[in-house]
N, C-alpha and C. Protein backbone atom coordinates (compact mmCIF):
# COMPACT_ATOMS: atom_id res chain seq x y z
N MET A 1 10.09 -20.03 15.78
CA MET A 1 8.77 -19.67 16.65
C MET A 1 7.85 -18.91 15.71
N LEU A 2 6.66 -19.20 15.65
CA LEU A 2 5.77 -18.84 14.78
C LEU A 2 5.13 -17.32 15.03
N ASN A 3 5.25 -16.26 14.01
CA ASN A 3 4.88 -15.09 14.33
C ASN A 3 3.56 -15.34 13.55
N CYS A 4 2.51 -14.33 14.50
CA CYS A 4 1.19 -14.41 14.02
C CYS A 4 0.75 -12.70 13.53
N VAL A 5 0.04 -12.67 12.30
CA VAL A 5 -0.33 -11.53 11.75
C VAL A 5 -2.01 -11.31 11.75
N VAL A 6 -2.36 -10.21 11.87
CA VAL A 6 -3.89 -9.94 11.75
C VAL A 6 -3.98 -8.97 10.60
N ILE A 7 -4.86 -9.39 9.95
CA ILE A 7 -5.28 -8.72 8.68
C ILE A 7 -6.31 -7.59 8.86
N LEU A 8 -6.10 -6.56 8.84
CA LEU A 8 -7.17 -5.56 8.93
C LEU A 8 -8.05 -5.11 7.68
N GLY A 9 -8.95 -5.68 7.26
CA GLY A 9 -9.69 -5.10 6.30
C GLY A 9 -9.75 -6.73 5.58
N TYR A 10 -11.00 -7.09 5.21
CA TYR A 10 -11.51 -8.13 4.80
C TYR A 10 -12.20 -8.34 3.43
N GLY A 11 -11.58 -7.25 2.59
CA GLY A 11 -11.80 -7.18 1.02
C GLY A 11 -10.99 -8.11 0.23
N SER A 12 -11.31 -8.09 -1.07
CA SER A 12 -10.13 -8.80 -2.13
C SER A 12 -8.59 -8.77 -1.76
N LEU A 13 -8.24 -7.25 -1.10
CA LEU A 13 -6.91 -7.46 -0.91
C LEU A 13 -6.57 -8.24 0.41
N GLY A 14 -7.43 -7.87 1.26
CA GLY A 14 -6.93 -9.00 2.59
C GLY A 14 -7.14 -10.40 2.29
N ARG A 15 -7.83 -10.73 1.40
CA ARG A 15 -8.02 -12.24 1.28
C ARG A 15 -6.82 -12.77 0.53
N ARG A 16 -6.38 -12.01 -0.83
CA ARG A 16 -4.91 -12.10 -1.17
C ARG A 16 -3.75 -12.05 -0.19
N ILE A 17 -3.96 -11.14 0.79
CA ILE A 17 -2.58 -11.40 1.79
C ILE A 17 -2.97 -12.57 2.69
N GLU A 18 -3.98 -13.10 2.82
CA GLU A 18 -4.34 -14.23 3.85
C GLU A 18 -3.69 -15.39 2.76
N ALA A 19 -3.91 -15.53 1.72
CA ALA A 19 -3.51 -16.45 0.73
C ALA A 19 -2.04 -16.83 0.68
N MET A 20 -1.29 -15.38 0.77
CA MET A 20 0.14 -15.36 0.66
C MET A 20 0.56 -15.82 2.06
N LEU A 21 -0.06 -15.87 3.02
CA LEU A 21 0.72 -16.00 4.75
C LEU A 21 -0.19 -17.56 4.93
N ASN A 22 -0.97 -17.98 4.30
CA ASN A 22 -1.46 -19.01 4.72
C ASN A 22 -1.76 -20.23 3.64
N GLY A 23 -1.69 -19.90 2.48
CA GLY A 23 -2.14 -20.75 1.32
C GLY A 23 -0.96 -21.82 0.97
N THR A 24 -1.26 -22.47 -0.02
CA THR A 24 -0.37 -23.55 -0.13
C THR A 24 1.18 -22.84 -0.79
N GLN A 25 1.18 -21.65 -1.12
CA GLN A 25 2.37 -20.92 -1.58
C GLN A 25 2.87 -20.17 -0.82
N ARG A 26 2.40 -20.19 0.82
CA ARG A 26 2.87 -19.11 1.31
C ARG A 26 4.35 -18.90 1.55
N ILE A 27 4.39 -17.38 1.74
CA ILE A 27 5.97 -16.86 1.53
C ILE A 27 6.78 -16.94 2.58
N ASP A 28 6.23 -17.36 3.91
CA ASP A 28 7.22 -17.54 4.95
C ASP A 28 6.29 -18.60 5.88
N ALA A 29 7.23 -19.78 6.20
CA ALA A 29 6.79 -20.86 7.07
C ALA A 29 6.72 -20.37 8.18
N ASN A 30 7.11 -19.10 8.84
CA ASN A 30 7.37 -18.91 10.29
C ASN A 30 6.23 -17.63 10.72
N VAL A 31 5.48 -17.43 9.48
CA VAL A 31 4.50 -16.40 9.90
C VAL A 31 3.11 -17.02 9.45
N ARG A 32 2.15 -16.91 10.34
CA ARG A 32 0.79 -17.06 10.02
C ARG A 32 -0.47 -16.04 10.30
N ALA A 33 -1.19 -15.84 9.27
CA ALA A 33 -2.09 -15.11 9.66
C ALA A 33 -3.58 -15.77 10.14
N ILE A 34 -3.62 -14.69 11.44
CA ILE A 34 -4.88 -15.76 12.48
C ILE A 34 -6.14 -15.10 12.13
N GLY A 35 -6.32 -14.36 11.26
CA GLY A 35 -7.80 -13.91 10.73
C GLY A 35 -7.87 -12.34 10.68
N PHE A 36 -9.13 -11.94 10.34
CA PHE A 36 -9.33 -10.19 10.06
C PHE A 36 -9.68 -9.73 11.07
N LEU A 37 -9.71 -8.31 10.97
CA LEU A 37 -10.59 -7.56 11.79
C LEU A 37 -10.97 -6.70 10.85
N ASP A 38 -12.40 -6.35 10.77
CA ASP A 38 -13.23 -5.55 9.63
C ASP A 38 -14.41 -5.20 10.52
N ASP A 39 -14.75 -3.88 10.57
CA ASP A 39 -15.97 -3.07 11.19
C ASP A 39 -17.06 -3.43 10.29
N ALA A 40 -16.86 -3.83 9.09
CA ALA A 40 -18.09 -4.01 8.26
C ALA A 40 -18.57 -5.31 7.88
N SER A 41 -17.55 -6.58 8.52
CA SER A 41 -18.07 -7.80 8.26
C SER A 41 -18.34 -8.61 9.28
N GLU A 42 -18.98 -9.69 9.22
CA GLU A 42 -19.15 -10.51 10.54
C GLU A 42 -18.85 -11.98 10.07
N GLY A 43 -18.79 -12.78 11.26
CA GLY A 43 -18.36 -14.12 11.10
C GLY A 43 -16.94 -14.85 10.73
N PRO A 44 -16.72 -15.96 10.74
CA PRO A 44 -15.25 -16.52 10.35
C PRO A 44 -14.97 -16.35 9.22
N PRO A 45 -13.98 -16.05 8.61
CA PRO A 45 -12.54 -15.76 9.59
C PRO A 45 -12.43 -14.30 10.07
N VAL A 46 -13.62 -13.47 10.00
CA VAL A 46 -13.54 -12.24 10.84
C VAL A 46 -13.63 -12.39 12.25
N LEU A 47 -12.56 -11.83 13.03
CA LEU A 47 -12.69 -12.11 14.44
C LEU A 47 -13.52 -11.03 14.95
N GLY A 48 -13.52 -9.95 14.46
CA GLY A 48 -14.30 -8.86 14.92
C GLY A 48 -13.96 -7.41 14.38
N GLY A 49 -14.43 -6.46 14.97
CA GLY A 49 -13.95 -4.97 14.55
C GLY A 49 -12.51 -4.55 14.87
N ASP A 50 -12.20 -3.54 14.71
CA ASP A 50 -11.24 -2.92 14.89
C ASP A 50 -10.91 -2.63 16.39
N ASP A 51 -12.13 -2.66 17.24
CA ASP A 51 -11.76 -2.29 18.57
C ASP A 51 -11.29 -3.37 19.14
N LEU A 52 -11.06 -4.67 18.70
CA LEU A 52 -10.37 -5.99 19.25
C LEU A 52 -8.68 -5.54 19.06
N LEU A 53 -8.15 -4.58 18.39
CA LEU A 53 -6.88 -4.70 18.55
C LEU A 53 -5.96 -4.73 19.67
N PRO A 54 -6.30 -4.17 20.93
CA PRO A 54 -5.77 -4.24 21.82
C PRO A 54 -5.71 -5.71 22.33
N GLU A 55 -6.60 -6.47 22.09
CA GLU A 55 -6.84 -7.89 22.58
C GLU A 55 -5.86 -8.76 21.64
N VAL A 56 -5.72 -8.48 20.69
CA VAL A 56 -5.25 -9.48 19.74
C VAL A 56 -3.65 -9.48 19.92
N ASP A 57 -2.77 -10.44 20.31
CA ASP A 57 -1.61 -10.61 20.26
C ASP A 57 -0.91 -10.78 18.84
N ALA A 58 -0.70 -9.81 18.19
CA ALA A 58 -0.13 -10.15 16.57
C ALA A 58 0.22 -8.88 16.23
N ARG A 59 1.16 -8.84 14.84
CA ARG A 59 1.39 -7.83 14.37
C ARG A 59 0.41 -7.84 13.32
N TYR A 60 0.20 -6.53 12.67
CA TYR A 60 -0.84 -6.34 11.72
C TYR A 60 -0.49 -5.79 10.36
N VAL A 61 -1.27 -6.19 9.16
CA VAL A 61 -1.12 -5.72 7.86
C VAL A 61 -2.59 -5.10 7.54
N ILE A 62 -2.26 -3.89 6.99
CA ILE A 62 -3.60 -2.85 6.73
C ILE A 62 -3.80 -3.33 5.14
N ALA A 63 -5.07 -4.05 4.76
CA ALA A 63 -5.43 -4.61 3.81
C ALA A 63 -6.55 -3.62 3.01
N VAL A 64 -6.39 -2.25 3.14
CA VAL A 64 -7.17 -1.43 2.64
C VAL A 64 -6.71 -0.42 1.77
N ALA A 65 -6.87 0.18 0.62
CA ALA A 65 -6.20 0.61 -0.14
C ALA A 65 -6.61 2.14 -0.24
N ASP A 66 -7.49 2.68 0.36
CA ASP A 66 -7.75 4.10 0.69
C ASP A 66 -6.75 4.98 1.47
N PRO A 67 -6.00 5.63 0.87
CA PRO A 67 -4.79 6.23 1.80
C PRO A 67 -5.14 7.03 3.17
N ALA A 68 -6.15 7.46 3.22
CA ALA A 68 -7.03 8.16 4.60
C ALA A 68 -7.20 7.19 5.50
N ALA A 69 -7.63 5.97 5.00
CA ALA A 69 -8.01 4.78 5.77
C ALA A 69 -7.01 4.12 6.15
N ARG A 70 -5.81 4.02 5.45
CA ARG A 70 -4.78 3.36 5.83
C ARG A 70 -4.11 4.28 6.97
N GLU A 71 -4.08 5.45 6.90
CA GLU A 71 -3.49 6.46 7.80
C GLU A 71 -4.13 6.25 9.31
N ASP A 72 -5.54 6.32 9.22
CA ASP A 72 -6.46 6.19 10.42
C ASP A 72 -6.32 4.73 11.06
N ILE A 73 -6.40 3.74 10.21
CA ILE A 73 -6.14 2.17 10.71
C ILE A 73 -4.74 2.13 11.45
N ASP A 74 -3.69 2.65 10.73
CA ASP A 74 -2.47 2.46 11.37
C ASP A 74 -2.48 3.35 12.73
N ARG A 75 -2.84 4.43 12.75
CA ARG A 75 -2.99 5.29 13.84
C ARG A 75 -3.47 4.48 15.10
N ARG A 76 -4.59 4.00 14.91
CA ARG A 76 -5.53 3.06 15.86
C ARG A 76 -4.61 2.15 16.42
N ALA A 77 -3.93 1.21 15.31
CA ALA A 77 -3.18 -0.01 15.66
C ALA A 77 -2.03 0.40 16.39
N LEU A 78 -1.31 1.57 16.17
CA LEU A 78 -0.22 1.92 16.91
C LEU A 78 -0.47 2.36 18.36
N ALA A 79 -1.87 2.94 18.54
CA ALA A 79 -2.26 3.36 19.93
C ALA A 79 -2.65 2.06 20.79
N ALA A 80 -3.10 0.89 20.10
CA ALA A 80 -3.21 -0.12 20.68
C ALA A 80 -1.93 -1.17 21.06
N GLY A 81 -0.95 -0.80 20.86
CA GLY A 81 0.46 -1.19 21.09
C GLY A 81 0.68 -2.28 20.13
N ARG A 82 -0.02 -2.27 18.81
CA ARG A 82 0.60 -3.59 17.76
C ARG A 82 1.79 -2.75 17.09
N GLU A 83 2.40 -3.71 16.37
CA GLU A 83 3.46 -3.37 15.36
C GLU A 83 3.18 -3.93 13.92
N PRO A 84 3.53 -3.10 12.97
CA PRO A 84 3.24 -3.44 11.77
C PRO A 84 4.06 -4.65 10.89
N TYR A 85 3.43 -5.30 10.26
CA TYR A 85 4.53 -6.36 9.65
C TYR A 85 4.56 -6.21 7.93
N THR A 86 5.81 -5.94 7.69
CA THR A 86 5.90 -5.47 6.34
C THR A 86 5.91 -6.71 5.51
N LEU A 87 5.34 -6.47 4.28
CA LEU A 87 5.29 -7.98 3.21
C LEU A 87 5.57 -7.29 1.88
N VAL A 88 6.71 -8.44 1.45
CA VAL A 88 7.29 -8.31 0.09
C VAL A 88 7.08 -9.55 -0.61
N HIS A 89 6.08 -9.52 -1.43
CA HIS A 89 5.85 -11.02 -2.23
C HIS A 89 7.53 -11.56 -3.20
N PRO A 90 7.65 -12.74 -2.85
CA PRO A 90 9.06 -13.19 -3.48
C PRO A 90 8.83 -13.08 -4.65
N ARG A 91 7.70 -13.03 -5.47
CA ARG A 91 7.64 -12.74 -6.66
C ARG A 91 7.77 -10.96 -7.16
N ALA A 92 8.03 -10.30 -6.30
CA ALA A 92 8.22 -9.06 -6.63
C ALA A 92 9.68 -8.61 -6.78
N TYR A 93 10.29 -7.71 -7.43
CA TYR A 93 11.64 -7.59 -7.81
C TYR A 93 12.00 -6.08 -7.24
N VAL A 94 12.59 -6.18 -6.33
CA VAL A 94 13.15 -5.12 -5.25
C VAL A 94 14.59 -5.03 -5.48
N GLU A 95 15.17 -4.23 -5.90
CA GLU A 95 16.52 -3.95 -6.07
C GLU A 95 17.44 -3.57 -5.12
N ASP A 96 18.57 -3.38 -5.27
CA ASP A 96 19.63 -2.92 -3.99
C ASP A 96 19.33 -1.63 -3.73
N GLY A 97 19.23 -1.17 -2.54
CA GLY A 97 19.07 0.36 -2.16
C GLY A 97 17.90 0.64 -1.97
N VAL A 98 16.70 -0.35 -2.06
CA VAL A 98 15.50 0.25 -1.95
C VAL A 98 15.14 0.04 -0.31
N GLY A 99 14.44 1.02 0.05
CA GLY A 99 13.97 0.86 1.56
C GLY A 99 12.33 0.70 1.49
N VAL A 100 12.27 -0.22 2.07
CA VAL A 100 10.58 -0.42 2.40
C VAL A 100 10.40 -0.15 3.87
N GLY A 101 9.33 1.15 3.81
CA GLY A 101 9.06 1.29 5.04
C GLY A 101 8.00 0.23 6.10
N PRO A 102 8.14 0.69 7.32
CA PRO A 102 7.20 -0.23 8.19
C PRO A 102 5.78 -0.16 7.60
N GLY A 103 5.49 -1.79 7.70
CA GLY A 103 4.16 -1.89 7.06
C GLY A 103 3.72 -2.10 5.75
N SER A 104 4.66 -1.69 5.01
CA SER A 104 4.44 -1.60 3.50
C SER A 104 4.41 -2.75 2.82
N ILE A 105 3.50 -2.91 1.90
CA ILE A 105 3.41 -4.06 1.02
C ILE A 105 3.64 -3.82 -0.44
N VAL A 106 4.46 -4.77 -0.96
CA VAL A 106 4.78 -4.98 -2.47
C VAL A 106 4.53 -6.40 -3.07
N LEU A 107 3.53 -6.18 -3.81
CA LEU A 107 2.62 -7.63 -4.37
C LEU A 107 3.62 -7.96 -5.24
N ALA A 108 2.84 -9.10 -6.03
CA ALA A 108 3.72 -10.13 -6.97
C ALA A 108 3.88 -9.18 -8.24
N GLY A 109 4.64 -9.52 -8.65
CA GLY A 109 5.21 -8.70 -10.18
C GLY A 109 5.44 -7.45 -10.12
N ALA A 110 5.50 -6.73 -8.95
CA ALA A 110 5.82 -5.22 -9.12
C ALA A 110 7.42 -5.23 -9.22
N CYS A 111 7.81 -4.13 -9.84
CA CYS A 111 9.38 -4.03 -9.88
C CYS A 111 9.68 -2.49 -9.24
N VAL A 112 10.44 -2.57 -8.13
CA VAL A 112 10.92 -1.42 -7.80
C VAL A 112 12.54 -1.19 -7.56
N ASN A 113 13.05 -0.28 -8.57
CA ASN A 113 14.04 -0.12 -8.60
C ASN A 113 15.03 0.77 -8.10
N ILE A 114 16.33 0.59 -8.36
CA ILE A 114 17.20 0.75 -7.15
C ILE A 114 17.32 2.44 -6.66
N ASP A 115 17.58 2.21 -5.41
CA ASP A 115 17.74 3.32 -4.68
C ASP A 115 16.42 4.04 -4.42
N THR A 116 15.07 3.51 -4.67
CA THR A 116 13.85 3.91 -4.46
C THR A 116 13.78 3.74 -2.86
N GLN A 117 12.98 4.59 -2.15
CA GLN A 117 12.58 5.00 -0.93
C GLN A 117 11.03 4.78 -0.78
N LEU A 118 10.20 3.79 -0.22
CA LEU A 118 9.00 3.86 0.43
C LEU A 118 8.69 3.92 1.80
N GLY A 119 7.80 4.61 1.98
CA GLY A 119 7.46 5.40 3.30
C GLY A 119 6.89 4.33 4.06
N ARG A 120 6.27 4.68 5.40
CA ARG A 120 5.50 3.94 6.07
C ARG A 120 4.01 3.69 5.34
N GLN A 121 3.66 2.01 5.30
CA GLN A 121 2.55 1.57 4.92
C GLN A 121 2.09 2.06 3.51
N VAL A 122 3.21 1.86 2.49
CA VAL A 122 2.87 1.89 1.44
C VAL A 122 2.16 0.64 0.89
N LEU A 123 1.54 1.00 -0.29
CA LEU A 123 0.86 -0.14 -0.85
C LEU A 123 1.10 -0.11 -2.46
N ILE A 124 2.30 -1.09 -2.85
CA ILE A 124 2.39 -1.46 -4.25
C ILE A 124 1.79 -2.57 -4.72
N ASN A 125 0.69 -2.32 -5.58
CA ASN A 125 -0.03 -3.42 -5.95
C ASN A 125 0.65 -4.18 -7.02
N VAL A 126 -0.17 -5.09 -7.44
CA VAL A 126 0.51 -6.26 -8.58
C VAL A 126 1.04 -5.42 -9.64
N ASN A 127 2.22 -6.08 -10.49
CA ASN A 127 2.66 -5.61 -11.75
C ASN A 127 2.82 -3.98 -11.88
N CYS A 128 2.90 -3.34 -10.66
CA CYS A 128 3.57 -1.90 -10.89
C CYS A 128 5.05 -1.89 -11.23
N VAL A 129 5.43 -0.51 -11.90
CA VAL A 129 6.64 -0.66 -11.67
C VAL A 129 6.95 0.85 -11.39
N VAL A 130 8.14 0.81 -10.52
CA VAL A 130 8.60 2.08 -9.88
C VAL A 130 10.24 2.36 -10.30
N GLY A 131 10.13 3.26 -10.74
CA GLY A 131 11.85 3.60 -11.41
C GLY A 131 12.71 4.11 -10.39
N HIS A 132 13.54 4.13 -10.70
CA HIS A 132 14.99 4.41 -9.82
C HIS A 132 15.05 5.88 -8.98
N GLU A 133 15.34 5.67 -7.93
CA GLU A 133 15.47 6.96 -7.11
C GLU A 133 14.47 7.37 -6.66
N VAL A 134 13.31 6.84 -6.59
CA VAL A 134 11.81 7.70 -6.44
C VAL A 134 11.78 7.77 -4.87
N THR A 135 10.86 8.56 -4.49
CA THR A 135 10.47 8.51 -2.97
C THR A 135 9.00 8.65 -3.18
N ILE A 136 8.59 7.54 -2.19
CA ILE A 136 6.90 7.20 -1.93
C ILE A 136 6.43 7.73 -0.36
N GLY A 137 5.90 8.63 -0.19
CA GLY A 137 5.47 9.05 1.23
C GLY A 137 4.55 8.01 1.72
N ASP A 138 4.34 8.45 3.37
CA ASP A 138 3.52 7.34 3.76
C ASP A 138 2.09 7.09 3.26
N HIS A 139 1.38 6.04 3.81
CA HIS A 139 0.21 5.85 3.35
C HIS A 139 -0.28 5.84 2.08
N THR A 140 0.64 5.94 1.11
CA THR A 140 0.41 6.07 -0.52
C THR A 140 -0.17 4.61 -0.77
N THR A 141 -0.58 4.77 -2.23
CA THR A 141 -1.59 3.66 -2.57
C THR A 141 -1.09 3.79 -4.52
N LEU A 142 -0.44 2.53 -4.86
CA LEU A 142 -0.25 2.59 -6.18
C LEU A 142 -1.34 1.38 -6.38
N SER A 143 -2.31 1.57 -7.38
CA SER A 143 -3.16 0.39 -7.96
C SER A 143 -2.28 -0.27 -8.70
N PRO A 144 -3.05 -1.28 -9.32
CA PRO A 144 -2.32 -2.39 -10.14
C PRO A 144 -1.75 -1.58 -11.46
N LEU A 145 -0.63 -2.04 -12.25
CA LEU A 145 -0.07 -1.64 -13.23
C LEU A 145 0.31 -0.36 -13.34
N VAL A 146 0.67 0.44 -12.33
CA VAL A 146 1.25 1.94 -12.38
C VAL A 146 2.32 1.76 -12.67
N PHE A 147 2.82 2.86 -13.35
CA PHE A 147 4.17 3.08 -13.76
C PHE A 147 4.57 4.57 -13.13
N VAL A 148 5.61 4.49 -12.54
CA VAL A 148 6.47 5.87 -12.03
C VAL A 148 7.66 5.83 -12.53
N GLY A 149 7.81 6.98 -13.18
CA GLY A 149 9.24 7.10 -13.87
C GLY A 149 10.02 7.33 -12.81
N GLY A 150 11.49 7.17 -13.22
CA GLY A 150 12.70 7.62 -12.26
C GLY A 150 12.72 8.92 -11.94
N GLY A 151 13.02 9.29 -10.45
CA GLY A 151 13.38 10.44 -10.01
C GLY A 151 12.20 11.31 -9.50
N CYS A 152 10.92 10.51 -9.41
CA CYS A 152 9.71 11.22 -8.99
C CYS A 152 10.02 11.01 -7.41
N ALA A 153 9.03 12.32 -6.82
CA ALA A 153 9.01 12.55 -5.65
C ALA A 153 7.37 12.33 -5.36
N ILE A 154 6.70 11.44 -4.51
CA ILE A 154 5.42 11.38 -4.59
C ILE A 154 5.10 11.57 -2.81
N GLY A 155 3.98 12.09 -2.33
CA GLY A 155 4.10 12.41 -1.17
C GLY A 155 3.13 11.63 -0.19
N ASN A 156 2.42 12.11 0.70
CA ASN A 156 1.60 11.23 1.45
C ASN A 156 0.22 10.92 1.11
N ARG A 157 -0.42 10.02 1.45
CA ARG A 157 -1.67 9.94 1.15
C ARG A 157 -2.15 10.12 -0.20
N VAL A 158 -1.18 9.56 -1.08
CA VAL A 158 -1.86 9.62 -2.65
C VAL A 158 -2.30 8.34 -3.22
N PHE A 159 -3.11 8.71 -3.94
CA PHE A 159 -4.10 7.62 -4.39
C PHE A 159 -3.81 7.37 -5.93
N ILE A 160 -3.03 6.48 -6.55
CA ILE A 160 -2.94 6.27 -7.96
C ILE A 160 -3.58 5.35 -8.46
N GLY A 161 -4.55 5.64 -9.34
CA GLY A 161 -5.46 4.72 -10.12
C GLY A 161 -4.61 3.83 -11.11
N ALA A 162 -5.41 2.64 -11.34
CA ALA A 162 -4.86 1.47 -12.37
C ALA A 162 -4.43 1.93 -13.38
N SER A 163 -3.26 1.61 -13.74
CA SER A 163 -2.88 1.76 -15.13
C SER A 163 -2.29 3.25 -15.59
N ALA A 164 -2.03 3.87 -14.41
CA ALA A 164 -1.74 5.25 -14.45
C ALA A 164 -0.35 5.43 -14.82
N VAL A 165 0.04 6.42 -15.67
CA VAL A 165 1.61 6.73 -15.65
C VAL A 165 2.04 8.12 -15.27
N ILE A 166 3.05 8.11 -14.58
CA ILE A 166 3.92 9.40 -14.03
C ILE A 166 5.06 9.45 -14.68
N LEU A 167 5.21 10.37 -15.39
CA LEU A 167 6.48 10.80 -16.21
C LEU A 167 7.75 11.05 -15.22
N PRO A 168 8.91 10.70 -15.70
CA PRO A 168 10.14 10.90 -14.72
C PRO A 168 10.30 12.33 -14.04
N ARG A 169 10.89 12.07 -13.02
CA ARG A 169 11.38 13.54 -12.35
C ARG A 169 10.14 14.46 -11.77
N LEU A 170 9.20 13.91 -11.62
CA LEU A 170 7.78 15.17 -11.37
C LEU A 170 7.59 14.85 -9.77
N LYS A 171 6.82 15.92 -9.50
CA LYS A 171 6.89 15.81 -7.74
C LYS A 171 5.19 15.97 -7.87
N ILE A 172 4.77 15.06 -6.86
CA ILE A 172 3.09 15.09 -6.70
C ILE A 172 3.11 15.15 -5.28
N GLY A 173 2.24 16.05 -4.92
CA GLY A 173 2.06 16.36 -3.68
C GLY A 173 1.38 15.58 -2.80
N ASP A 174 1.00 15.75 -1.45
CA ASP A 174 0.22 15.14 -0.64
C ASP A 174 -1.31 15.27 -1.10
N ASP A 175 -1.95 13.98 -0.49
CA ASP A 175 -3.46 13.75 -0.70
C ASP A 175 -3.89 14.33 -2.09
N VAL A 176 -2.95 13.80 -3.15
CA VAL A 176 -3.12 13.79 -4.67
C VAL A 176 -3.89 12.75 -4.78
N VAL A 177 -5.03 12.61 -5.66
CA VAL A 177 -5.73 11.63 -6.54
C VAL A 177 -5.41 11.81 -7.86
N ILE A 178 -5.24 10.34 -8.43
CA ILE A 178 -4.79 10.30 -9.96
C ILE A 178 -5.81 9.11 -10.42
N GLY A 179 -6.58 9.53 -11.24
CA GLY A 179 -7.51 8.72 -11.72
C GLY A 179 -6.87 7.63 -12.70
N ALA A 180 -7.71 6.50 -12.81
CA ALA A 180 -7.08 5.23 -13.60
C ALA A 180 -6.83 5.53 -15.02
N GLY A 181 -5.76 4.95 -15.68
CA GLY A 181 -5.33 5.22 -16.97
C GLY A 181 -4.76 6.71 -17.37
N SER A 182 -4.62 7.65 -16.53
CA SER A 182 -4.16 8.75 -16.65
C SER A 182 -2.72 8.96 -16.97
N VAL A 183 -2.36 9.95 -17.47
CA VAL A 183 -0.86 10.20 -17.84
C VAL A 183 -0.57 11.51 -17.28
N VAL A 184 0.67 11.63 -16.30
CA VAL A 184 0.79 12.70 -15.69
C VAL A 184 2.19 13.36 -16.20
N ARG A 185 2.26 14.52 -16.66
CA ARG A 185 3.22 14.98 -17.60
C ARG A 185 3.74 16.15 -16.67
N GLU A 186 3.05 16.93 -15.31
CA GLU A 186 3.87 17.90 -14.93
C GLU A 186 3.56 17.66 -13.13
N ASP A 187 4.09 18.34 -12.46
CA ASP A 187 4.04 18.43 -11.10
C ASP A 187 2.32 18.42 -10.57
N LEU A 188 1.97 18.13 -9.46
CA LEU A 188 0.79 18.41 -9.20
C LEU A 188 0.78 18.82 -7.51
N PRO A 189 0.35 20.17 -7.29
CA PRO A 189 -0.13 20.52 -5.98
C PRO A 189 -0.71 19.44 -5.27
N PRO A 190 -0.44 19.82 -3.69
CA PRO A 190 -1.07 19.11 -2.73
C PRO A 190 -2.58 19.05 -3.10
N GLY A 191 -3.29 18.03 -2.87
CA GLY A 191 -4.76 18.06 -2.76
C GLY A 191 -5.50 18.00 -4.21
N SER A 192 -4.48 17.99 -5.18
CA SER A 192 -5.29 17.86 -6.65
C SER A 192 -5.92 16.39 -6.78
N LYS A 193 -6.83 16.59 -7.62
CA LYS A 193 -7.58 15.42 -8.33
C LYS A 193 -7.51 15.70 -9.89
N VAL A 194 -6.75 14.41 -10.57
CA VAL A 194 -6.62 14.85 -11.92
C VAL A 194 -6.94 13.42 -12.40
N ALA A 195 -7.38 13.50 -13.95
CA ALA A 195 -7.52 12.18 -14.54
C ALA A 195 -7.47 12.84 -16.13
N GLY A 196 -7.05 11.63 -16.98
CA GLY A 196 -6.96 11.71 -18.27
C GLY A 196 -5.72 11.62 -19.07
N VAL A 197 -5.70 11.68 -20.25
CA VAL A 197 -4.64 11.75 -21.16
C VAL A 197 -4.34 13.11 -22.18
N PRO A 198 -3.54 13.89 -21.73
CA PRO A 198 -2.91 14.18 -20.38
C PRO A 198 -3.76 14.43 -19.15
N ALA A 199 -3.12 13.90 -17.90
CA ALA A 199 -4.01 14.29 -16.76
C ALA A 199 -4.24 15.86 -16.72
N ARG A 200 -5.67 15.83 -16.38
CA ARG A 200 -6.16 17.55 -15.98
C ARG A 200 -6.93 17.53 -15.05
N PRO A 201 -6.82 18.65 -14.22
CA PRO A 201 -7.52 18.74 -13.11
C PRO A 201 -8.97 18.59 -12.99
N LEU A 202 -9.37 17.91 -11.71
CA LEU A 202 -10.87 17.80 -11.58
C LEU A 202 -11.23 18.46 -10.51
N GLY A 203 -10.50 18.87 -9.59
CA GLY A 203 -10.87 19.60 -8.39
C GLY A 203 -10.13 19.30 -7.27
N LYS A 204 -10.50 19.52 -6.09
CA LYS A 204 -9.51 19.20 -4.99
C LYS A 204 -10.17 18.42 -4.09
N THR A 205 -9.13 17.31 -3.48
CA THR A 205 -9.75 16.25 -2.71
C THR A 205 -9.84 17.21 -1.28
N SER A 206 -10.85 16.55 -0.39
CA SER A 206 -11.09 17.11 0.79
C SER A 206 -10.10 17.01 2.15
C-alpha cells in the first residue's frame, strides 16, 4: 500500500525532502510525496497553505528549520488530525540504541552515535555528527556540519548554526541560538544567544 506524505514548507529543505521521496533515488518505494503546503508560495507543486491540512489525507514532514516555526506547524498539524512521518536517509549512519522521535529528520551523511535520543520533530541536517548518549529535545534544529560531543543534553527549540561545535557533556537550555561556526565550551542557560570562538553571549532570545 502506498503511503502519502505532504511536505510542509517549499524552501530548499522541502525540495530536498521531495527528491528523497519521489526522485530517482527515492528512499522508500512505498512512500510518495503528494506535494507541498506553504502559506508563502503559490502554484504547482504547492497545493495551498497550511489551512488545507484538515483536507489532505496524508502524513506530514515539516521542512522548516526555525525551531519555533517547527513547533507551531507541528501543533497545527496535530490539531488537524494528521500524523508525522519520520525520515532517516539511508546514507545517514544511525547506531544501535538511538531513539528517533516522531517526525524527526536525519539527512544524508549525518552520524548519530550509540544511545542518543532525538525528541519530536528534530532536524539533523547533512553531515552532522552527534556523539554517544546525547539527548536532543523537541523541535530542535542542527544545521549542516554541526558537531555535538558525547553526553550533551540539548533542550527544546534550540537552533545550532552550520559548523558549530558543542564540546562533550554540556547542557544547552531551551530556546538557545548558537551562531554558525561557534565553539561552545560551557553550559548555556535557557534563552541564550551565543556566537564566536569561544562562544560568547549576544543577548537573549525572545
